């Protein structure tokens, strides 16, 4: 009595079909398939963007302010 026989499964499937109808179940499966396709496409897009290296950004250090130009630092006595 612990396991369900084939007749139990047939009755359960029949009740589900009566409650939801064939149209709703097929629409639901179509939505699931579209979601899977969108997920796979998104994963492929992530892989292609990760393969493209970003351009290297450099910082120009030639115009650094000199120590004489910052005379206000430490000039106030407490």
PDB file of N, CA and C in Angstrom:
ATOM      1  N   UNK A   1       0.807  -1.202   0.000  1.00  0.00           N
ATOM      2  CA  UNK A   1       0.000   0.000   0.000  1.00  0.00           C
ATOM      3  C   UNK A   1       0.850   1.266   0.000  1.00  0.00           C
ATOM      4  N   UNK A   2       2.143   1.136   0.182  1.00  0.00           N
ATOM      5  CA  UNK A   2       2.999   2.303   0.261  1.00  0.00           C
ATOM      6  C   UNK A   2       3.273   2.953  -1.085  1.00  0.00           C
ATOM      7  N   UNK A   3       3.282   2.188  -2.177  1.00  0.00           N
ATOM      8  CA  UNK A   3       3.593   2.760  -3.488  1.00  0.00           C
ATOM      9  C   UNK A   3       2.314   2.927  -4.307  1.00  0.00           C
ATOM     10  N   UNK A   4       2.390   3.822  -5.279  1.00  0.00           N
ATOM     11  CA  UNK A   4       1.238   4.069  -6.131  1.00  0.00           C
ATOM     12  C   UNK A   4       1.342   3.221  -7.391  1.00  0.00           C
ATOM     13  N   UNK A   5       0.240   2.625  -7.782  1.00  0.00           N
ATOM     14  CA  UNK A   5       0.234   1.800  -8.996  1.00  0.00           C
ATOM     15  C   UNK A   5      -0.002   2.683 -10.214  1.00  0.00           C
ATOM     16  N   UNK A   6       0.035   2.078 -11.375  1.00  0.00           N
ATOM     17  CA  UNK A   6      -0.173   2.806 -12.622  1.00  0.00           C
ATOM     18  C   UNK A   6      -1.568   3.429 -12.665  1.00  0.00           C
ATOM     19  N   UNK A   7      -2.550   2.784 -12.083  1.00  0.00           N
ATOM     20  CA  UNK A   7      -3.911   3.316 -12.082  1.00  0.00           C
ATOM     21  C   UNK A   7      -4.012   4.589 -11.243  1.00  0.00           C
ATOM     22  N   UNK A   8      -3.264   4.638 -10.163  1.00  0.00           N
ATOM     23  CA  UNK A   8      -3.258   5.857  -9.353  1.00  0.00           C
ATOM     24  C   UNK A   8      -2.681   7.031 -10.161  1.00  0.00           C
ATOM     25  N   UNK A   9      -1.604   6.780 -10.892  1.00  0.00           N
ATOM     26  CA  UNK A   9      -0.979   7.830 -11.691  1.00  0.00           C
ATOM     27  C   UNK A   9      -1.898   8.283 -12.820  1.00  0.00           C
ATOM     28  N   UNK A  10      -2.615   7.352 -13.429  1.00  0.00           N
ATOM     29  CA  UNK A  10      -3.549   7.707 -14.504  1.00  0.00           C
ATOM     30  C   UNK A  10      -4.661   8.602 -13.961  1.00  0.00           C
ATOM     31  N   UNK A  11      -5.162   8.285 -12.784  1.00  0.00           N
ATOM     32  CA  UNK A  11      -6.214   9.105 -12.172  1.00  0.00           C
ATOM     33  C   UNK A  11      -5.677  10.491 -11.819  1.00  0.00           C
ATOM     34  N   UNK A  12      -4.471  10.552 -11.282  1.00  0.00           N
ATOM     35  CA  UNK A  12      -3.880  11.852 -10.930  1.00  0.00           C
ATOM     36  C   UNK A  12      -3.688  12.709 -12.181  1.00  0.00           C
ATOM     37  N   UNK A  13      -3.198  12.126 -13.261  1.00  0.00           N
ATOM     38  CA  UNK A  13      -2.998  12.867 -14.509  1.00  0.00           C
ATOM     39  C   UNK A  13      -4.337  13.328 -15.076  1.00  0.00           C
ATOM     40  N   UNK A  14      -5.349  12.487 -14.990  1.00  0.00           N
ATOM     41  CA  UNK A  14      -6.670  12.868 -15.487  1.00  0.00           C
ATOM     42  C   UNK A  14      -7.238  14.041 -14.692  1.00  0.00           C
ATOM     43  N   UNK A  15      -7.071  14.038 -13.382  1.00  0.00           N
ATOM     44  CA  UNK A  15      -7.571  15.138 -12.553  1.00  0.00           C
ATOM     45  C   UNK A  15      -6.820  16.431 -12.883  1.00  0.00           C
ATOM     46  N   UNK A  16      -5.517  16.339 -13.068  1.00  0.00           N
ATOM     47  CA  UNK A  16      -4.727  17.528 -13.408  1.00  0.00           C
ATOM     48  C   UNK A  16      -5.182  18.088 -14.754  1.00  0.00           C
ATOM     49  N   UNK A  17      -5.410  17.212 -15.736  1.00  0.00           N
ATOM     50  CA  UNK A  17      -5.878  17.675 -17.045  1.00  0.00           C
ATOM     51  C   UNK A  17      -7.263  18.309 -16.950  1.00  0.00           C
ATOM     52  N   UNK A  18      -8.130  17.761 -16.110  1.00  0.00           N
ATOM     53  CA  UNK A  18      -9.461  18.341 -15.946  1.00  0.00           C
ATOM     54  C   UNK A  18      -9.393  19.707 -15.269  1.00  0.00           C
ATOM     55  N   UNK A  19      -8.514  19.855 -14.297  1.00  0.00           N
ATOM     56  CA  UNK A  19      -8.418  21.125 -13.577  1.00  0.00           C
ATOM     57  C   UNK A  19      -7.780  22.223 -14.422  1.00  0.00           C
ATOM     58  N   UNK A  20      -6.685  21.912 -15.067  1.00  0.00           N
ATOM     59  CA  UNK A  20      -5.934  22.937 -15.784  1.00  0.00           C
ATOM     60  C   UNK A  20      -6.246  22.971 -17.271  1.00  0.00           C
ATOM     61  N   UNK A  21      -6.706  21.902 -17.825  1.00  0.00           N
ATOM     62  CA  UNK A  21      -7.001  21.850 -19.248  1.00  0.00           C
ATOM     63  C   UNK A  21      -5.739  21.668 -20.070  1.00  0.00           C
ATOM     64  N   UNK A  22      -5.909  21.147 -21.267  1.00  0.00           N
ATOM     65  CA  UNK A  22      -4.762  20.877 -22.118  1.00  0.00           C
ATOM     66  C   UNK A  22      -4.104  22.160 -22.604  1.00  0.00           C
ATOM     67  N   UNK A  23      -4.881  23.193 -22.844  1.00  0.00           N
ATOM     68  CA  UNK A  23      -4.350  24.446 -23.360  1.00  0.00           C
ATOM     69  C   UNK A  23      -3.436  25.142 -22.366  1.00  0.00           C
ATOM     70  N   UNK A  24      -3.839  25.167 -21.110  1.00  0.00           N
ATOM     71  CA  UNK A  24      -3.027  25.839 -20.097  1.00  0.00           C
ATOM     72  C   UNK A  24      -1.705  25.116 -19.870  1.00  0.00           C
ATOM     73  N   UNK A  25      -1.737  23.805 -19.900  1.00  0.00           N
ATOM     74  CA  UNK A  25      -0.509  23.039 -19.672  1.00  0.00           C
ATOM     75  C   UNK A  25       0.455  23.241 -20.848  1.00  0.00           C
ATOM     76  N   UNK A  26      -0.068  23.246 -22.079  1.00  0.00           N
ATOM     77  CA  UNK A  26       0.818  23.450 -23.231  1.00  0.00           C
ATOM     78  C   UNK A  26       1.378  24.873 -23.238  1.00  0.00           C
ATOM     79  N   UNK A  27       0.573  25.854 -22.828  1.00  0.00           N
ATOM     80  CA  UNK A  27       1.076  27.226 -22.721  1.00  0.00           C
ATOM     81  C   UNK A  27       2.168  27.318 -21.659  1.00  0.00           C
ATOM     82  N   UNK A  28       1.961  26.639 -20.566  1.00  0.00           N
ATOM     83  CA  UNK A  28       2.950  26.646 -19.490  1.00  0.00           C
ATOM     84  C   UNK A  28       4.261  26.015 -19.951  1.00  0.00           C
ATOM     85  N   UNK A  29       4.174  24.899 -20.677  1.00  0.00           N
ATOM     86  CA  UNK A  29       5.390  24.251 -21.167  1.00  0.00           C
ATOM     87  C   UNK A  29       6.095  25.127 -22.210  1.00  0.00           C
ATOM     88  N   UNK A  30       5.336  25.851 -23.024  1.00  0.00           N
ATOM     89  CA  UNK A  30       5.931  26.772 -23.986  1.00  0.00           C
ATOM     90  C   UNK A  30       6.666  27.911 -23.286  1.00  0.00           C
ATOM     91  N   UNK A  31       6.072  28.421 -22.196  1.00  0.00           N
ATOM     92  CA  UNK A  31       6.731  29.474 -21.428  1.00  0.00           C
ATOM     93  C   UNK A  31       8.013  28.966 -20.784  1.00  0.00           C
ATOM     94  N   UNK A  32       7.988  27.736 -20.305  1.00  0.00           N
ATOM     95  CA  UNK A  32       9.195  27.147 -19.712  1.00  0.00           C
ATOM     96  C   UNK A  32      10.283  27.005 -20.773  1.00  0.00           C
ATOM     97  N   UNK A  33       9.906  26.572 -21.961  1.00  0.00           N
ATOM     98  CA  UNK A  33      10.889  26.420 -23.044  1.00  0.00           C
ATOM     99  C   UNK A  33      11.480  27.775 -23.437  1.00  0.00           C
ATOM    100  N   UNK A  34      10.657  28.818 -23.501  1.00  0.00           N
ATOM    101  CA  UNK A  34      11.166  30.146 -23.831  1.00  0.00           C
ATOM    102  C   UNK A  34      12.109  30.651 -22.744  1.00  0.00           C
ATOM    103  N   UNK A  35      11.803  30.344 -21.490  1.00  0.00           N
ATOM    104  CA  UNK A  35      12.679  30.745 -20.399  1.00  0.00           C
ATOM    105  C   UNK A  35      14.025  30.059 -20.474  1.00  0.00           C
ATOM    106  N   UNK A  36      14.026  28.788 -20.820  1.00  0.00           N
ATOM    107  CA  UNK A  36      15.287  28.050 -20.951  1.00  0.00           C
ATOM    108  C   UNK A  36      16.115  28.610 -22.096  1.00  0.00           C
ATOM    109  N   UNK A  37      15.463  28.919 -23.234  1.00  0.00           N
ATOM    110  CA  UNK A  37      16.181  29.492 -24.370  1.00  0.00           C
ATOM    111  C   UNK A  37      16.773  30.849 -24.017  1.00  0.00           C
ATOM    112  N   UNK A  38      16.014  31.674 -23.300  1.00  0.00           N
ATOM    113  CA  UNK A  38      16.523  32.993 -22.909  1.00  0.00           C
ATOM    114  C   UNK A  38      17.698  32.856 -21.944  1.00  0.00           C
ATOM    115  N   UNK A  39      17.629  31.879 -21.045  1.00  0.00           N
ATOM    116  CA  UNK A  39      18.724  31.651 -20.108  1.00  0.00           C
ATOM    117  C   UNK A  39      19.988  31.229 -20.846  1.00  0.00           C
ATOM    118  N   UNK A  40      19.855  30.309 -21.805  1.00  0.00           N
ATOM    119  CA  UNK A  40      21.019  29.856 -22.576  1.00  0.00           C
ATOM    120  C   UNK A  40      21.609  31.001 -23.386  1.00  0.00           C
ATOM    121  N   UNK A  41      20.758  31.838 -23.980  1.00  0.00           N
ATOM    122  CA  UNK A  41      21.245  32.978 -24.748  1.00  0.00           C
ATOM    123  C   UNK A  41      21.980  33.963 -23.838  1.00  0.00           C
ATOM    124  N   UNK A  42      21.467  34.181 -22.660  1.00  0.00           N
ATOM    125  CA  UNK A  42      22.130  35.068 -21.711  1.00  0.00           C
ATOM    126  C   UNK A  42      23.472  34.528 -21.268  1.00  0.00           C
ATOM    127  N   UNK A  43      23.565  33.228 -21.087  1.00  0.00           N
ATOM    128  CA  UNK A  43      24.849  32.631 -20.706  1.00  0.00           C
ATOM    129  C   UNK A  43      25.865  32.767 -21.839  1.00  0.00           C
ATOM    130  N   UNK A  44      25.435  32.619 -23.089  1.00  0.00           N
ATOM    131  CA  UNK A  44      26.340  32.780 -24.223  1.00  0.00           C
ATOM    132  C   UNK A  44      26.787  34.227 -24.343  1.00  0.00           C
ATOM    133  N   UNK A  45      25.896  35.180 -24.091  1.00  0.00           N
ATOM    134  CA  UNK A  45      26.264  36.590 -24.148  1.00  0.00           C
ATOM    135  C   UNK A  45      27.295  36.927 -23.086  1.00  0.00           C
ATOM    136  N   UNK A  46      27.163  36.349 -21.894  1.00  0.00           N
ATOM    137  CA  UNK A  46      28.134  36.585 -20.828  1.00  0.00           C
ATOM    138  C   UNK A  46      29.508  36.057 -21.218  1.00  0.00           C
ATOM    139  N   UNK A  47      29.555  34.909 -21.868  1.00  0.00           N
ATOM    140  CA  UNK A  47      30.830  34.331 -22.266  1.00  0.00           C
ATOM    141  C   UNK A  47      31.502  35.174 -23.347  1.00  0.00           C
ATOM    142  N   UNK A  48      30.727  35.720 -24.286  1.00  0.00           N
ATOM    143  CA  UNK A  48      31.330  36.505 -25.360  1.00  0.00           C
ATOM    144  C   UNK A  48      31.826  37.847 -24.837  1.00  0.00           C
ATOM    145  N   UNK A  49      31.142  38.454 -23.888  1.00  0.00           N
ATOM    146  CA  UNK A  49      31.611  39.727 -23.348  1.00  0.00           C
ATOM    147  C   UNK A  49      32.820  39.528 -22.447  1.00  0.00           C
ATOM    148  N   UNK A  50      32.930  38.385 -21.809  1.00  0.00           N
ATOM    149  CA  UNK A  50      34.074  38.122 -20.946  1.00  0.00           C
ATOM    150  C   UNK A  50      35.333  37.877 -21.779  1.00  0.00           C
ATOM    151  N   UNK A  51      35.194  37.400 -23.000  1.00  0.00           N
ATOM    152  CA  UNK A  51      36.344  37.120 -23.846  1.00  0.00           C
ATOM    153  C   UNK A  51      36.962  38.396 -24.407  1.00  0.00           C
ATOM    154  N   UNK A  52      36.191  39.463 -24.552  1.00  0.00           N
ATOM    155  CA  UNK A  52      36.706  40.709 -25.100  1.00  0.00           C
ATOM    156  C   UNK A  52      37.450  41.468 -23.999  1.00  0.00           C
ATOM    157  N   UNK A  53      38.750  41.721 -24.194  1.00  0.00           N
ATOM    158  CA  UNK A  53      39.486  42.462 -23.166  1.00  0.00           C
ATOM    159  C   UNK A  53      39.147  43.950 -23.240  1.00  0.00           C
ATOM    160  N   UNK A  54      39.126  44.577 -22.080  1.00  0.00           N
ATOM    161  CA  UNK A  54      38.881  46.006 -22.032  1.00  0.00           C
ATOM    162  C   UNK A  54      40.178  46.744 -22.367  1.00  0.00           C
ATOM    163  N   UNK A  55      40.084  47.926 -22.951  1.00  0.00           N
ATOM    164  CA  UNK A  55      41.303  48.667 -23.248  1.00  0.00           C
ATOM    165  C   UNK A  55      42.006  49.081 -21.955  1.00  0.00           C
ATOM    166  N   UNK A  56      43.319  49.095 -22.016  1.00  0.00           N
ATOM    167  CA  UNK A  56      44.110  49.418 -20.845  1.00  0.00           C
ATOM    168  C   UNK A  56      44.076  50.921 -20.623  1.00  0.00           C
ATOM    169  N   UNK A  57      43.750  51.328 -19.407  1.00  0.00           N
ATOM    170  CA  UNK A  57      43.692  52.741 -19.070  1.00  0.00           C
ATOM    171  C   UNK A  57      44.983  53.115 -18.355  1.00  0.00           C
ATOM    172  N   UNK A  58      45.585  54.202 -18.776  1.00  0.00           N
ATOM    173  CA  UNK A  58      46.830  54.642 -18.155  1.00  0.00           C
ATOM    174  C   UNK A  58      46.619  55.996 -17.500  1.00  0.00           C
ATOM    175  N   UNK A  59      47.416  56.286 -16.514  1.00  0.00           N
ATOM    176  CA  UNK A  59      47.364  57.562 -15.810  1.00  0.00           C
ATOM    177  C   UNK A  59      48.679  58.285 -16.078  1.00  0.00           C
ATOM    178  N   UNK A  60      48.595  59.533 -16.511  1.00  0.00           N
ATOM    179  CA  UNK A  60      49.781  60.323 -16.820  1.00  0.00           C
ATOM    180  C   UNK A  60      50.305  60.947 -15.522  1.00  0.00           C
ATOM    181  N   UNK A  61      51.522  60.610 -15.138  1.00  0.00           N
ATOM    182  CA  UNK A  61      52.112  61.111 -13.905  1.00  0.00           C
ATOM    183  C   UNK A  61      53.118  62.223 -14.148  1.00  0.00           C
ATOM    184  N   UNK A  62      53.199  62.763 -15.337  1.00  0.00           N
ATOM    185  CA  UNK A  62      54.223  63.772 -15.635  1.00  0.00           C
ATOM    186  C   UNK A  62      53.873  65.137 -15.056  1.00  0.00           C
ATOM    187  N   UNK A  63      52.617  65.433 -14.846  1.00  0.00           N
ATOM    188  CA  UNK A  63      52.205  66.745 -14.348  1.00  0.00           C
ATOM    189  C   UNK A  63      51.876  66.705 -12.858  1.00  0.00           C
ATOM    190  N   UNK A  64      52.659  66.008 -12.062  1.00  0.00           N
ATOM    191  CA  UNK A  64      52.411  65.925 -10.625  1.00  0.00           C
ATOM    192  C   UNK A  64      52.756  67.259  -9.971  1.00  0.00           C
ATOM    193  N   UNK A  65      51.991  67.723  -9.011  1.00  0.00           N
ATOM    194  CA  UNK A  65      52.290  68.997  -8.347  1.00  0.00           C
ATOM    195  C   UNK A  65      53.582  68.896  -7.541  1.00  0.00           C
ATOM    196  N   UNK A  66      54.328  69.956  -7.541  1.00  0.00           N
ATOM    197  CA  UNK A  66      55.598  69.953  -6.814  1.00  0.00           C
ATOM    198  C   UNK A  66      55.367  70.260  -5.340  1.00  0.00           C
ATOM    199  N   UNK A  67      56.382  70.016  -4.512  1.00  0.00           N
ATOM    200  CA  UNK A  67      56.266  70.252  -3.074  1.00  0.00           C
ATOM    201  C   UNK A  67      56.198  71.737  -2.771  1.00  0.00           C
ATOM    202  N   UNK A  68      56.796  72.599  -3.592  1.00  0.00           N
ATOM    203  CA  UNK A  68      56.770  74.039  -3.373  1.00  0.00           C
ATOM    204  C   UNK A  68      55.372  74.605  -3.611  1.00  0.00           C
ATOM    205  N   UNK A  69      54.639  74.002  -4.483  1.00  0.00           N
ATOM    206  CA  UNK A  69      53.303  74.514  -4.790  1.00  0.00           C
ATOM    207  C   UNK A  69      52.340  74.242  -3.648  1.00  0.00           C
ATOM    208  N   UNK A  70      52.641  73.314  -2.782  1.00  0.00           N
ATOM    209  CA  UNK A  70      51.770  72.989  -1.660  1.00  0.00           C
ATOM    210  C   UNK A  70      52.326  73.584  -0.377  1.00  0.00           C
ATOM    211  N   UNK A  71      52.464  74.855  -0.319  1.00  0.00           N
ATOM    212  CA  UNK A  71      53.049  75.518   0.858  1.00  0.00           C
ATOM    213  C   UNK A  71      52.068  75.616   2.009  1.00  0.00           C
ATOM    214  N   UNK A  72      50.771  75.408   1.760  1.00  0.00           N
ATOM    215  CA  UNK A  72      49.790  75.545   2.825  1.00  0.00           C
ATOM    216  C   UNK A  72      49.731  74.321   3.737  1.00  0.00           C
ATOM    217  N   UNK A  73      50.348  73.227   3.366  1.00  0.00           N
ATOM    218  CA  UNK A  73      50.301  72.007   4.170  1.00  0.00           C
ATOM    219  C   UNK A  73      51.221  72.166   5.369  1.00  0.00           C
ATOM    220  N   UNK A  74      50.707  72.063   6.552  1.00  0.00           N
ATOM    221  CA  UNK A  74      51.502  72.112   7.777  1.00  0.00           C
ATOM    222  C   UNK A  74      51.947  73.496   8.164  1.00  0.00           C
ATOM    223  N   UNK A  75      51.394  74.530   7.551  1.00  0.00           N
ATOM    224  CA  UNK A  75      51.844  75.878   7.853  1.00  0.00           C
ATOM    225  C   UNK A  75      51.157  76.465   9.079  1.00  0.00           C
ATOM    226  N   UNK A  76      50.043  75.893   9.480  1.00  0.00           N
ATOM    227  CA  UNK A  76      49.323  76.422  10.642  1.00  0.00           C
ATOM    228  C   UNK A  76      49.854  75.768  11.913  1.00  0.00           C
ATOM    229  N   UNK A  77      50.219  76.569  12.866  1.00  0.00           N
ATOM    230  CA  UNK A  77      50.691  76.047  14.156  1.00  0.00           C
ATOM    231  C   UNK A  77      49.525  76.039  15.121  1.00  0.00           C
ATOM    232  N   UNK A  78      49.472  75.044  15.923  1.00  0.00           N
ATOM    233  CA  UNK A  78      48.384  74.926  16.878  1.00  0.00           C
ATOM    234  C   UNK A  78      48.778  75.521  18.197  1.00  0.00           C
TER     235      UNK A  78
END
